[in-house]
All heavy atoms as atom14 arrays in JSON, in Angstrom:
{
  "sequence": "VGIYIGIANLIGILGFKPPTKDINVTASLAILSIILIELSGVLAKGG",
  "atom14_mask": [
    [1, 1, 1, 1, 1, 1, 1, 0, 0, 0, 0, 0, 0, 0],
    [1, 1, 1, 1, 0, 0, 0, 0, 0, 0, 0, 0, 0, 0],
    [1, 1, 1, 1, 1, 1, 1, 1, 0, 0, 0, 0, 0, 0],
    [1, 1, 1, 1, 1, 1, 1, 1, 1, 1, 1, 1, 0, 0],
    [1, 1, 1, 1, 1, 1, 1, 1, 0, 0, 0, 0, 0, 0],
    [1, 1, 1, 1, 0, 0, 0, 0, 0, 0, 0, 0, 0, 0],
    [1, 1, 1, 1, 1, 1, 1, 1, 0, 0, 0, 0, 0, 0],
    [1, 1, 1, 1, 1, 0, 0, 0, 0, 0, 0, 0, 0, 0],
    [1, 1, 1, 1, 1, 1, 1, 1, 0, 0, 0, 0, 0, 0],
    [1, 1, 1, 1, 1, 1, 1, 1, 0, 0, 0, 0, 0, 0],
    [1, 1, 1, 1, 1, 1, 1, 1, 0, 0, 0, 0, 0, 0],
    [1, 1, 1, 1, 0, 0, 0, 0, 0, 0, 0, 0, 0, 0],
    [1, 1, 1, 1, 1, 1, 1, 1, 0, 0, 0, 0, 0, 0],
    [1, 1, 1, 1, 1, 1, 1, 1, 0, 0, 0, 0, 0, 0],
    [1, 1, 1, 1, 0, 0, 0, 0, 0, 0, 0, 0, 0, 0],
    [1, 1, 1, 1, 1, 1, 1, 1, 1, 1, 1, 0, 0, 0],
    [1, 1, 1, 1, 1, 1, 1, 1, 1, 0, 0, 0, 0, 0],
    [1, 1, 1, 1, 1, 1, 1, 0, 0, 0, 0, 0, 0, 0],
    [1, 1, 1, 1, 1, 1, 1, 0, 0, 0, 0, 0, 0, 0],
    [1, 1, 1, 1, 1, 1, 1, 0, 0, 0, 0, 0, 0, 0],
    [1, 1, 1, 1, 1, 1, 1, 1, 1, 0, 0, 0, 0, 0],
    [1, 1, 1, 1, 1, 1, 1, 1, 0, 0, 0, 0, 0, 0],
    [1, 1, 1, 1, 1, 1, 1, 1, 0, 0, 0, 0, 0, 0],
    [1, 1, 1, 1, 1, 1, 1, 1, 0, 0, 0, 0, 0, 0],
    [1, 1, 1, 1, 1, 1, 1, 0, 0, 0, 0, 0, 0, 0],
    [1, 1, 1, 1, 1, 1, 1, 0, 0, 0, 0, 0, 0, 0],
    [1, 1, 1, 1, 1, 0, 0, 0, 0, 0, 0, 0, 0, 0],
    [1, 1, 1, 1, 1, 1, 0, 0, 0, 0, 0, 0, 0, 0],
    [1, 1, 1, 1, 1, 1, 1, 1, 0, 0, 0, 0, 0, 0],
    [1, 1, 1, 1, 1, 0, 0, 0, 0, 0, 0, 0, 0, 0],
    [1, 1, 1, 1, 1, 1, 1, 1, 0, 0, 0, 0, 0, 0],
    [1, 1, 1, 1, 1, 1, 1, 1, 0, 0, 0, 0, 0, 0],
    [1, 1, 1, 1, 1, 1, 0, 0, 0, 0, 0, 0, 0, 0],
    [1, 1, 1, 1, 1, 1, 1, 1, 0, 0, 0, 0, 0, 0],
    [1, 1, 1, 1, 1, 1, 1, 1, 0, 0, 0, 0, 0, 0],
    [1, 1, 1, 1, 1, 1, 1, 1, 0, 0, 0, 0, 0, 0],
    [1, 1, 1, 1, 1, 1, 1, 1, 0, 0, 0, 0, 0, 0],
    [1, 1, 1, 1, 1, 1, 1, 1, 1, 0, 0, 0, 0, 0],
    [1, 1, 1, 1, 1, 1, 1, 1, 0, 0, 0, 0, 0, 0],
    [1, 1, 1, 1, 1, 1, 0, 0, 0, 0, 0, 0, 0, 0],
    [1, 1, 1, 1, 0, 0, 0, 0, 0, 0, 0, 0, 0, 0],
    [1, 1, 1, 1, 1, 1, 1, 0, 0, 0, 0, 0, 0, 0],
    [1, 1, 1, 1, 1, 1, 1, 1, 0, 0, 0, 0, 0, 0],
    [1, 1, 1, 1, 1, 0, 0, 0, 0, 0, 0, 0, 0, 0],
    [1, 1, 1, 1, 1, 1, 1, 1, 1, 0, 0, 0, 0, 0],
    [1, 1, 1, 1, 0, 0, 0, 0, 0, 0, 0, 0, 0, 0],
    [1, 1, 1, 1, 0, 0, 0, 0, 0, 0, 0, 0, 0, 0]
  ],
  "atom14_positions": [
    [[26.38, 22.8, 0.94], [26.04, 21.46, 0.34], [24.46, 21.21, 0.23], [24.02, 20.68, -0.66], [26.77, 20.32, 1.1], [26.28, 18.94, 0.55], [28.31, 20.5, 0.83], [0.0, 0.0, 0.0], [0.0, 0.0, 0.0], [0.0, 0.0, 0.0], [0.0, 0.0, 0.0], [0.0, 0.0, 0.0], [0.0, 0.0, 0.0], [0.0, 0.0, 0.0]],
    [[23.85, 21.52, 1.37], [22.36, 21.48, 1.43], [21.74, 22.23, 0.33], [20.79, 21.81, -0.39], [0.0, 0.0, 0.0], [0.0, 0.0, 0.0], [0.0, 0.0, 0.0], [0.0, 0.0, 0.0], [0.0, 0.0, 0.0], [0.0, 0.0, 0.0], [0.0, 0.0, 0.0], [0.0, 0.0, 0.0], [0.0, 0.0, 0.0], [0.0, 0.0, 0.0]],
    [[22.15, 23.52, 0.22], [21.53, 24.28, -0.92], [21.94, 23.68, -2.25], [21.02, 23.65, -3.21], [22.09, 25.77, -0.74], [21.29, 26.37, 0.42], [21.73, 26.66, -1.93], [22.03, 27.76, 0.89], [0.0, 0.0, 0.0], [0.0, 0.0, 0.0], [0.0, 0.0, 0.0], [0.0, 0.0, 0.0], [0.0, 0.0, 0.0], [0.0, 0.0, 0.0]],
    [[23.08, 23.32, -2.45], [23.53, 22.84, -3.76], [22.7, 21.51, -4.17], [22.13, 21.48, -5.36], [24.96, 22.48, -3.8], [25.47, 21.7, -5.09], [25.55, 22.29, -6.26], [25.64, 20.27, -5.01], [25.85, 21.74, -7.44], [25.93, 19.66, -6.12], [26.08, 20.27, -7.34], [26.43, 19.63, -8.56], [0.0, 0.0, 0.0], [0.0, 0.0, 0.0]],
    [[22.64, 20.66, -3.16], [21.81, 19.43, -3.42], [20.29, 19.56, -3.65], [19.82, 19.08, -4.55], [22.08, 18.34, -2.43], [23.55, 17.83, -2.33], [21.19, 17.2, -2.54], [23.94, 17.0, -1.13], [0.0, 0.0, 0.0], [0.0, 0.0, 0.0], [0.0, 0.0, 0.0], [0.0, 0.0, 0.0], [0.0, 0.0, 0.0], [0.0, 0.0, 0.0]],
    [[19.86, 20.56, -2.83], [18.45, 20.86, -2.97], [18.13, 21.55, -4.35], [17.2, 21.06, -4.98], [0.0, 0.0, 0.0], [0.0, 0.0, 0.0], [0.0, 0.0, 0.0], [0.0, 0.0, 0.0], [0.0, 0.0, 0.0], [0.0, 0.0, 0.0], [0.0, 0.0, 0.0], [0.0, 0.0, 0.0], [0.0, 0.0, 0.0], [0.0, 0.0, 0.0]],
    [[19.01, 22.4, -4.79], [18.69, 23.14, -6.1], [18.95, 22.06, -7.21], [18.32, 21.95, -8.16], [19.56, 24.31, -6.3], [19.0, 25.42, -5.45], [19.55, 24.76, -7.8], [19.89, 26.64, -5.27], [0.0, 0.0, 0.0], [0.0, 0.0, 0.0], [0.0, 0.0, 0.0], [0.0, 0.0, 0.0], [0.0, 0.0, 0.0], [0.0, 0.0, 0.0]],
    [[20.09, 21.21, -7.04], [20.42, 20.25, -8.08], [19.27, 19.12, -8.3], [18.99, 18.85, -9.33], [21.7, 19.52, -7.69], [0.0, 0.0, 0.0], [0.0, 0.0, 0.0], [0.0, 0.0, 0.0], [0.0, 0.0, 0.0], [0.0, 0.0, 0.0], [0.0, 0.0, 0.0], [0.0, 0.0, 0.0], [0.0, 0.0, 0.0], [0.0, 0.0, 0.0]],
    [[18.6, 18.88, -7.18], [17.49, 17.97, -7.15], [16.15, 18.64, -7.81], [15.4, 17.97, -8.44], [17.09, 17.34, -5.94], [18.15, 16.34, -5.45], [18.97, 15.87, -6.28], [18.25, 16.14, -4.2], [0.0, 0.0, 0.0], [0.0, 0.0, 0.0], [0.0, 0.0, 0.0], [0.0, 0.0, 0.0], [0.0, 0.0, 0.0], [0.0, 0.0, 0.0]],
    [[16.06, 19.95, -7.66], [14.92, 20.56, -8.18], [14.94, 21.07, -9.52], [13.93, 21.36, -10.17], [14.55, 21.88, -7.36], [14.14, 21.81, -5.81], [14.18, 23.04, -5.14], [12.84, 20.96, -5.79], [0.0, 0.0, 0.0], [0.0, 0.0, 0.0], [0.0, 0.0, 0.0], [0.0, 0.0, 0.0], [0.0, 0.0, 0.0], [0.0, 0.0, 0.0]],
    [[16.15, 20.75, -10.15], [16.31, 21.16, -11.55], [15.43, 20.14, -12.41], [15.08, 20.59, -13.53], [17.75, 21.13, -11.94], [18.52, 22.3, -11.48], [18.05, 20.93, -13.46], [19.99, 22.34, -11.63], [0.0, 0.0, 0.0], [0.0, 0.0, 0.0], [0.0, 0.0, 0.0], [0.0, 0.0, 0.0], [0.0, 0.0, 0.0], [0.0, 0.0, 0.0]],
    [[15.08, 18.95, -11.94], [14.32, 18.12, -12.59], [12.87, 18.65, -13.01], [12.33, 18.2, -13.97], [0.0, 0.0, 0.0], [0.0, 0.0, 0.0], [0.0, 0.0, 0.0], [0.0, 0.0, 0.0], [0.0, 0.0, 0.0], [0.0, 0.0, 0.0], [0.0, 0.0, 0.0], [0.0, 0.0, 0.0], [0.0, 0.0, 0.0], [0.0, 0.0, 0.0]],
    [[12.42, 19.69, -12.18], [11.13, 20.19, -12.49], [11.14, 20.98, -13.83], [10.15, 20.96, -14.49], [10.73, 21.25, -11.34], [10.61, 20.5, -10.08], [9.62, 22.06, -11.63], [10.42, 21.39, -8.84], [0.0, 0.0, 0.0], [0.0, 0.0, 0.0], [0.0, 0.0, 0.0], [0.0, 0.0, 0.0], [0.0, 0.0, 0.0], [0.0, 0.0, 0.0]],
    [[12.25, 21.63, -14.16], [12.37, 22.4, -15.41], [12.78, 21.31, -16.64], [12.89, 22.01, -17.7], [13.6, 23.38, -15.19], [13.44, 24.39, -13.98], [14.69, 25.28, -13.95], [12.1, 25.16, -14.18], [0.0, 0.0, 0.0], [0.0, 0.0, 0.0], [0.0, 0.0, 0.0], [0.0, 0.0, 0.0], [0.0, 0.0, 0.0], [0.0, 0.0, 0.0]],
    [[12.82, 20.18, -16.34], [12.99, 19.24, -17.51], [14.44, 18.84, -17.62], [14.87, 18.1, -18.63], [0.0, 0.0, 0.0], [0.0, 0.0, 0.0], [0.0, 0.0, 0.0], [0.0, 0.0, 0.0], [0.0, 0.0, 0.0], [0.0, 0.0, 0.0], [0.0, 0.0, 0.0], [0.0, 0.0, 0.0], [0.0, 0.0, 0.0], [0.0, 0.0, 0.0]],
    [[15.39, 19.45, -16.87], [16.8, 18.97, -17.01], [17.02, 17.69, -16.15], [16.36, 17.4, -15.25], [17.76, 20.18, -16.42], [17.42, 21.39, -17.24], [16.93, 22.49, -16.67], [18.06, 21.52, -18.51], [16.74, 23.67, -17.44], [17.96, 22.67, -19.28], [17.27, 23.72, -18.67], [0.0, 0.0, 0.0], [0.0, 0.0, 0.0], [0.0, 0.0, 0.0]],
    [[18.12, 17.18, -16.51], [18.62, 15.91, -15.79], [19.3, 16.39, -14.52], [20.3, 17.28, -14.62], [19.66, 15.14, -16.7], [20.1, 13.94, -15.97], [21.07, 13.15, -16.95], [22.41, 13.07, -16.26], [23.41, 12.34, -17.11], [0.0, 0.0, 0.0], [0.0, 0.0, 0.0], [0.0, 0.0, 0.0], [0.0, 0.0, 0.0], [0.0, 0.0, 0.0]],
    [[18.9, 16.03, -13.26], [19.47, 16.48, -12.13], [20.88, 15.91, -12.07], [21.23, 14.82, -12.23], [18.62, 15.6, -10.88], [17.4, 15.15, -11.63], [17.7, 14.98, -13.04], [0.0, 0.0, 0.0], [0.0, 0.0, 0.0], [0.0, 0.0, 0.0], [0.0, 0.0, 0.0], [0.0, 0.0, 0.0], [0.0, 0.0, 0.0], [0.0, 0.0, 0.0]],
    [[21.88, 16.8, -11.61], [23.28, 16.43, -11.62], [23.47, 15.29, -10.45], [24.44, 14.59, -10.71], [23.99, 17.67, -10.98], [22.99, 18.75, -11.36], [21.59, 18.33, -11.41], [0.0, 0.0, 0.0], [0.0, 0.0, 0.0], [0.0, 0.0, 0.0], [0.0, 0.0, 0.0], [0.0, 0.0, 0.0], [0.0, 0.0, 0.0], [0.0, 0.0, 0.0]],
    [[22.7, 15.21, -9.57], [22.86, 14.2, -8.48], [22.43, 12.85, -9.0], [22.55, 11.84, -8.33], [21.99, 14.55, -7.25], [20.79, 14.95, -7.62], [22.67, 15.69, -6.56], [0.0, 0.0, 0.0], [0.0, 0.0, 0.0], [0.0, 0.0, 0.0], [0.0, 0.0, 0.0], [0.0, 0.0, 0.0], [0.0, 0.0, 0.0], [0.0, 0.0, 0.0]],
    [[21.89, 12.73, -10.27], [21.62, 11.47, -10.82], [22.87, 10.8, -11.37], [22.93, 9.62, -11.68], [20.66, 11.67, -11.95], [20.05, 10.33, -12.49], [19.0, 10.83, -13.62], [19.34, 9.93, -14.95], [20.39, 9.82, -15.64], [0.0, 0.0, 0.0], [0.0, 0.0, 0.0], [0.0, 0.0, 0.0], [0.0, 0.0, 0.0], [0.0, 0.0, 0.0]],
    [[23.93, 11.6, -11.46], [25.4, 10.99, -11.87], [26.09, 10.63, -10.61], [26.34, 11.44, -9.81], [25.96, 12.15, -12.67], [27.3, 11.65, -13.23], [27.72, 10.46, -12.99], [28.08, 12.54, -13.71], [0.0, 0.0, 0.0], [0.0, 0.0, 0.0], [0.0, 0.0, 0.0], [0.0, 0.0, 0.0], [0.0, 0.0, 0.0], [0.0, 0.0, 0.0]],
    [[26.63, 9.28, -10.57], [27.33, 8.87, -9.47], [28.58, 9.65, -9.19], [28.92, 9.74, -8.08], [27.53, 7.34, -9.6], [27.98, 6.85, -8.25], [28.49, 7.08, -10.53], [27.59, 5.42, -8.05], [0.0, 0.0, 0.0], [0.0, 0.0, 0.0], [0.0, 0.0, 0.0], [0.0, 0.0, 0.0], [0.0, 0.0, 0.0], [0.0, 0.0, 0.0]],
    [[29.12, 10.26, -10.26], [30.37, 11.07, -10.01], [30.0, 12.3, -9.11], [30.97, 12.7, -8.4], [30.94, 11.53, -11.33], [31.33, 10.34, -12.15], [32.12, 9.41, -11.66], [31.04, 10.25, -13.49], [0.0, 0.0, 0.0], [0.0, 0.0, 0.0], [0.0, 0.0, 0.0], [0.0, 0.0, 0.0], [0.0, 0.0, 0.0], [0.0, 0.0, 0.0]],
    [[28.99, 12.92, -9.32], [28.59, 14.08, -8.46], [28.39, 13.59, -7.0], [28.97, 14.18, -6.08], [27.28, 14.69, -9.07], [26.86, 15.84, -8.06], [27.61, 15.28, -10.45], [0.0, 0.0, 0.0], [0.0, 0.0, 0.0], [0.0, 0.0, 0.0], [0.0, 0.0, 0.0], [0.0, 0.0, 0.0], [0.0, 0.0, 0.0], [0.0, 0.0, 0.0]],
    [[27.64, 12.63, -6.78], [27.31, 12.04, -5.35], [28.68, 11.54, -4.82], [28.85, 11.8, -3.53], [26.25, 10.98, -5.38], [26.68, 9.94, -6.21], [24.87, 11.69, -5.95], [0.0, 0.0, 0.0], [0.0, 0.0, 0.0], [0.0, 0.0, 0.0], [0.0, 0.0, 0.0], [0.0, 0.0, 0.0], [0.0, 0.0, 0.0], [0.0, 0.0, 0.0]],
    [[29.42, 10.9, -5.54], [30.72, 10.39, -5.02], [31.74, 11.52, -4.5], [32.29, 11.54, -3.54], [31.41, 9.45, -5.97], [0.0, 0.0, 0.0], [0.0, 0.0, 0.0], [0.0, 0.0, 0.0], [0.0, 0.0, 0.0], [0.0, 0.0, 0.0], [0.0, 0.0, 0.0], [0.0, 0.0, 0.0], [0.0, 0.0, 0.0], [0.0, 0.0, 0.0]],
    [[31.57, 12.58, -5.46], [32.55, 13.7, -5.03], [31.92, 14.49, -3.87], [32.79, 14.9, -2.92], [32.72, 14.65, -6.19], [31.5, 15.22, -6.64], [0.0, 0.0, 0.0], [0.0, 0.0, 0.0], [0.0, 0.0, 0.0], [0.0, 0.0, 0.0], [0.0, 0.0, 0.0], [0.0, 0.0, 0.0], [0.0, 0.0, 0.0], [0.0, 0.0, 0.0]],
    [[30.72, 14.64, -3.74], [30.17, 15.18, -2.56], [30.38, 14.28, -1.34], [30.77, 14.88, -0.15], [28.67, 15.37, -2.66], [27.99, 16.52, -3.65], [26.63, 16.35, -3.86], [28.54, 17.78, -3.13], [0.0, 0.0, 0.0], [0.0, 0.0, 0.0], [0.0, 0.0, 0.0], [0.0, 0.0, 0.0], [0.0, 0.0, 0.0], [0.0, 0.0, 0.0]],
    [[30.23, 13.04, -1.36], [30.59, 12.1, -0.28], [32.14, 12.2, 0.01], [32.48, 12.16, 1.15], [30.18, 10.75, -0.61], [0.0, 0.0, 0.0], [0.0, 0.0, 0.0], [0.0, 0.0, 0.0], [0.0, 0.0, 0.0], [0.0, 0.0, 0.0], [0.0, 0.0, 0.0], [0.0, 0.0, 0.0], [0.0, 0.0, 0.0], [0.0, 0.0, 0.0]],
    [[32.92, 12.28, -0.87], [34.41, 12.28, -0.51], [34.8, 13.57, 0.05], [35.57, 13.7, 1.07], [35.19, 12.1, -1.85], [35.03, 10.65, -2.39], [36.67, 12.52, -1.79], [35.67, 10.5, -3.75], [0.0, 0.0, 0.0], [0.0, 0.0, 0.0], [0.0, 0.0, 0.0], [0.0, 0.0, 0.0], [0.0, 0.0, 0.0], [0.0, 0.0, 0.0]],
    [[34.19, 14.77, -0.41], [34.4, 15.96, 0.23], [33.85, 15.95, 1.69], [34.49, 16.5, 2.63], [33.68, 17.15, -0.4], [34.33, 17.64, -1.64], [33.44, 18.67, -2.4], [35.67, 18.29, -1.32], [0.0, 0.0, 0.0], [0.0, 0.0, 0.0], [0.0, 0.0, 0.0], [0.0, 0.0, 0.0], [0.0, 0.0, 0.0], [0.0, 0.0, 0.0]],
    [[32.78, 15.3, 1.9], [32.12, 15.35, 3.27], [32.97, 14.33, 4.21], [33.26, 14.67, 5.36], [30.8, 14.79, 3.19], [29.89, 15.73, 2.64], [0.0, 0.0, 0.0], [0.0, 0.0, 0.0], [0.0, 0.0, 0.0], [0.0, 0.0, 0.0], [0.0, 0.0, 0.0], [0.0, 0.0, 0.0], [0.0, 0.0, 0.0], [0.0, 0.0, 0.0]],
    [[33.55, 13.26, 3.66], [34.3, 12.39, 4.51], [35.66, 13.07, 4.85], [36.14, 12.85, 5.97], [34.45, 10.99, 3.89], [34.84, 9.98, 5.01], [35.5, 11.04, 2.86], [33.77, 9.75, 6.04], [0.0, 0.0, 0.0], [0.0, 0.0, 0.0], [0.0, 0.0, 0.0], [0.0, 0.0, 0.0], [0.0, 0.0, 0.0], [0.0, 0.0, 0.0]],
    [[36.23, 13.86, 3.85], [37.39, 14.51, 4.21], [37.17, 15.58, 5.35], [38.02, 15.6, 6.33], [37.94, 15.28, 2.92], [38.5, 14.23, 2.04], [39.04, 16.31, 3.34], [38.83, 14.78, 0.67], [0.0, 0.0, 0.0], [0.0, 0.0, 0.0], [0.0, 0.0, 0.0], [0.0, 0.0, 0.0], [0.0, 0.0, 0.0], [0.0, 0.0, 0.0]],
    [[35.98, 16.22, 5.25], [35.65, 17.23, 6.37], [35.43, 16.48, 7.69], [35.77, 16.9, 8.7], [34.44, 18.05, 5.91], [34.02, 19.08, 6.92], [35.03, 20.16, 6.82], [32.62, 19.6, 6.58], [0.0, 0.0, 0.0], [0.0, 0.0, 0.0], [0.0, 0.0, 0.0], [0.0, 0.0, 0.0], [0.0, 0.0, 0.0], [0.0, 0.0, 0.0]],
    [[34.78, 15.37, 7.69], [34.49, 14.57, 8.77], [35.75, 14.11, 9.6], [35.97, 14.27, 10.7], [33.64, 13.34, 8.41], [32.17, 13.81, 8.09], [33.48, 12.39, 9.68], [31.35, 12.7, 7.38], [0.0, 0.0, 0.0], [0.0, 0.0, 0.0], [0.0, 0.0, 0.0], [0.0, 0.0, 0.0], [0.0, 0.0, 0.0], [0.0, 0.0, 0.0]],
    [[36.74, 13.6, 8.67], [37.88, 13.09, 9.4], [38.8, 14.34, 9.79], [39.36, 14.24, 10.81], [38.73, 12.28, 8.28], [38.0, 10.98, 7.9], [37.59, 10.11, 9.12], [38.28, 10.1, 10.12], [36.52, 9.43, 9.07], [0.0, 0.0, 0.0], [0.0, 0.0, 0.0], [0.0, 0.0, 0.0], [0.0, 0.0, 0.0], [0.0, 0.0, 0.0]],
    [[38.78, 15.43, 8.98], [39.49, 16.63, 9.45], [38.94, 17.19, 10.71], [39.79, 17.59, 11.61], [39.37, 17.7, 8.3], [40.18, 18.99, 8.62], [41.62, 18.75, 8.71], [39.83, 20.1, 7.47], [0.0, 0.0, 0.0], [0.0, 0.0, 0.0], [0.0, 0.0, 0.0], [0.0, 0.0, 0.0], [0.0, 0.0, 0.0], [0.0, 0.0, 0.0]],
    [[37.69, 17.13, 10.94], [37.12, 17.63, 12.13], [37.52, 16.7, 13.32], [37.74, 17.16, 14.33], [35.49, 17.55, 12.08], [35.05, 16.33, 12.05], [0.0, 0.0, 0.0], [0.0, 0.0, 0.0], [0.0, 0.0, 0.0], [0.0, 0.0, 0.0], [0.0, 0.0, 0.0], [0.0, 0.0, 0.0], [0.0, 0.0, 0.0], [0.0, 0.0, 0.0]],
    [[37.83, 15.42, 13.1], [38.2, 14.46, 14.11], [39.72, 14.89, 14.41], [40.08, 14.89, 15.62], [0.0, 0.0, 0.0], [0.0, 0.0, 0.0], [0.0, 0.0, 0.0], [0.0, 0.0, 0.0], [0.0, 0.0, 0.0], [0.0, 0.0, 0.0], [0.0, 0.0, 0.0], [0.0, 0.0, 0.0], [0.0, 0.0, 0.0], [0.0, 0.0, 0.0]],
    [[40.48, 15.2, 13.43], [41.89, 15.54, 13.67], [41.91, 16.93, 14.49], [42.7, 16.95, 15.36], [42.66, 15.63, 12.38], [44.07, 16.3, 12.56], [42.79, 14.38, 11.62], [0.0, 0.0, 0.0], [0.0, 0.0, 0.0], [0.0, 0.0, 0.0], [0.0, 0.0, 0.0], [0.0, 0.0, 0.0], [0.0, 0.0, 0.0], [0.0, 0.0, 0.0]],
    [[41.08, 17.76, 14.08], [41.14, 19.15, 14.81], [40.53, 19.02, 16.24], [41.21, 19.7, 17.14], [40.26, 20.1, 14.05], [40.76, 20.55, 12.57], [39.71, 21.48, 11.96], [42.1, 21.38, 12.77], [0.0, 0.0, 0.0], [0.0, 0.0, 0.0], [0.0, 0.0, 0.0], [0.0, 0.0, 0.0], [0.0, 0.0, 0.0], [0.0, 0.0, 0.0]],
    [[39.73, 18.18, 16.52], [39.12, 18.04, 17.83], [40.03, 17.14, 18.74], [40.16, 17.48, 19.87], [37.59, 17.48, 17.75], [0.0, 0.0, 0.0], [0.0, 0.0, 0.0], [0.0, 0.0, 0.0], [0.0, 0.0, 0.0], [0.0, 0.0, 0.0], [0.0, 0.0, 0.0], [0.0, 0.0, 0.0], [0.0, 0.0, 0.0], [0.0, 0.0, 0.0]],
    [[40.58, 16.11, 18.14], [41.23, 15.1, 18.97], [42.84, 15.24, 18.83], [43.62, 14.55, 19.62], [40.84, 13.68, 18.65], [39.37, 13.43, 18.84], [38.97, 12.08, 18.32], [37.5, 11.88, 18.45], [37.12, 10.51, 17.85], [0.0, 0.0, 0.0], [0.0, 0.0, 0.0], [0.0, 0.0, 0.0], [0.0, 0.0, 0.0], [0.0, 0.0, 0.0]],
    [[43.32, 15.86, 17.87], [44.74, 15.91, 17.61], [45.04, 14.73, 16.67], [44.28, 13.75, 16.61], [0.0, 0.0, 0.0], [0.0, 0.0, 0.0], [0.0, 0.0, 0.0], [0.0, 0.0, 0.0], [0.0, 0.0, 0.0], [0.0, 0.0, 0.0], [0.0, 0.0, 0.0], [0.0, 0.0, 0.0], [0.0, 0.0, 0.0], [0.0, 0.0, 0.0]],
    [[46.28, 14.62, 16.15], [46.65, 13.64, 15.3], [46.76, 12.21, 16.09], [46.15, 11.2, 15.48], [0.0, 0.0, 0.0], [0.0, 0.0, 0.0], [0.0, 0.0, 0.0], [0.0, 0.0, 0.0], [0.0, 0.0, 0.0], [0.0, 0.0, 0.0], [0.0, 0.0, 0.0], [0.0, 0.0, 0.0], [0.0, 0.0, 0.0], [0.0, 0.0, 0.0]]
  ]
}
């Protein structure tokens, strides 16, 4: 995710619109991250 966001933000140098400027991209990254966060809680503490 760090590499993806870093490269997505650097695309602006080449004159392209950064994908992270679209709220759908940032929302999907946030949703994936929150699923992983909650999953890590389930794996560590049990249901």
